[in-house]
Amino acid sequence: MSKIRSSNSIASIQRKIKEGRGQGHFSEYKPWLTVHDVPSIGIVTQILCWKSGRLHHYLSEHFELAHHYQMEWSEQEIDIREQFPLLPLDKASILHKS
């Protein structure tokens, strides 16, 4: 099954901001990227977290998912927000002016 190609165009970024991606806390948080946004031949994971009460999207089994398990069982962590965007754009240097 093919996946939707992700774009870093200004229009795409503005659309994601309007959708509320990368915003919210606990069960209201919407990740900037989901497993459906990025074409992958590797392992992607969606996992229901008891701490946040929502489905989490991870693009890497060995790094992101493993870190999720550490944070889920940590008593110091109260919220887990994966695929967090680096905004505002002018400070993140995602887009380069030509």
Protein backbone atom coordinates (compact mmCIF):
# COMPACT_ATOMS: atom_id res chain seq x y z
CA MET A 1 0.00 0.00 0.00
CA SER A 2 1.46 3.36 -0.97
CA LYS A 3 1.65 6.19 1.49
CA ILE A 4 1.04 9.89 1.03
CA ARG A 5 4.22 11.82 0.34
CA SER A 6 5.02 14.44 2.95
CA SER A 7 5.76 17.96 1.82
CA ASN A 8 7.51 20.79 3.59
CA SER A 9 6.00 23.49 1.41
CA ILE A 10 4.64 26.57 3.14
CA ALA A 11 1.09 25.58 2.12
CA SER A 12 1.53 22.09 3.60
CA ILE A 13 2.92 23.47 6.85
CA GLN A 14 0.10 26.03 7.14
CA ARG A 15 -2.45 23.26 6.52
CA LYS A 16 -0.97 21.15 9.32
CA ILE A 17 -1.03 24.12 11.70
CA LYS A 18 -4.69 24.80 10.79
CA GLU A 19 -5.51 21.09 11.45
CA GLY A 20 -4.05 21.51 14.94
CA ARG A 21 -1.08 19.23 14.38
CA GLY A 22 1.75 19.61 16.87
CA GLN A 23 -0.62 21.23 19.35
CA GLY A 24 -2.43 20.11 22.47
CA HIS A 25 -1.64 18.06 25.55
CA PHE A 26 -2.39 14.52 26.71
CA SER A 27 -5.25 12.95 24.68
CA GLU A 28 -5.83 16.22 22.76
CA TYR A 29 -2.32 16.29 21.19
CA LYS A 30 -2.10 15.69 17.42
CA PRO A 31 1.34 14.64 16.17
CA TRP A 32 2.87 16.71 13.35
CA LEU A 33 3.54 13.53 11.36
CA THR A 34 1.64 10.27 11.46
CA VAL A 35 2.66 6.87 10.14
CA HIS A 36 0.39 7.57 7.15
CA ASP A 37 2.20 10.80 6.19
CA VAL A 38 5.64 9.34 5.52
CA PRO A 39 6.47 6.72 2.87
CA SER A 40 8.40 3.93 4.54
CA ILE A 41 9.73 0.49 3.80
CA GLY A 42 10.79 0.10 7.42
CA ILE A 43 8.82 -0.52 10.57
CA VAL A 44 6.38 2.14 11.72
CA THR A 45 4.30 1.75 14.86
CA GLN A 46 1.06 3.04 16.31
CA ILE A 47 0.69 2.31 20.00
CA LEU A 48 -2.04 3.16 22.50
CA CYS A 49 -0.50 4.85 25.54
CA TRP A 50 -2.15 4.48 28.93
CA LYS A 51 -0.43 7.63 30.20
CA SER A 52 -1.73 10.03 27.55
CA GLY A 53 -4.82 8.03 26.58
CA ARG A 54 -4.24 8.31 22.82
CA LEU A 55 -2.65 6.57 19.86
CA HIS A 56 1.03 7.47 19.33
CA HIS A 57 2.77 7.41 15.92
CA TYR A 58 6.41 6.30 15.70
CA LEU A 59 8.56 6.13 12.58
CA SER A 60 11.44 4.20 14.18
CA GLU A 61 11.17 1.02 16.21
CA HIS A 62 14.61 1.13 17.80
CA PHE A 63 14.81 4.81 18.72
CA GLU A 64 11.38 6.41 18.98
CA LEU A 65 9.40 3.40 20.18
CA ALA A 66 12.08 2.34 22.66
CA HIS A 67 12.18 5.88 24.06
CA HIS A 68 8.37 5.86 24.32
CA TYR A 69 8.50 2.78 26.55
CA GLN A 70 11.07 4.49 28.79
CA MET A 71 8.91 7.62 29.10
CA GLU A 72 5.69 5.67 29.60
CA TRP A 73 7.08 3.91 32.66
CA SER A 74 8.92 6.93 34.08
CA GLU A 75 7.26 8.44 37.14
CA GLN A 76 8.66 11.89 36.27
CA GLU A 77 6.96 12.09 32.84
CA ILE A 78 3.31 13.11 32.69
CA ASP A 79 2.80 13.67 28.94
CA ILE A 80 4.41 12.20 25.82
CA ARG A 81 4.24 14.24 22.59
CA GLU A 82 5.93 12.57 19.62
CA GLN A 83 6.61 14.11 16.18
CA PHE A 84 6.71 17.58 17.73
CA PRO A 85 7.21 20.38 15.16
CA LEU A 86 10.02 22.91 15.26
CA LEU A 87 8.06 26.14 15.00
CA PRO A 88 8.16 29.07 14.25
CA LEU A 89 9.58 28.39 10.82
CA ASP A 90 11.91 31.40 10.72
CA LYS A 91 13.78 30.04 13.74
CA ALA A 92 13.69 26.38 12.69
CA SER A 93 15.35 27.03 9.28
CA ILE A 94 13.29 24.27 7.62
CA LEU A 95 12.63 26.29 4.50
CA HIS A 96 15.49 27.88 2.61
CA LYS A 97 14.98 30.99 0.53
CA SER A 98 16.12 30.60 -3.06
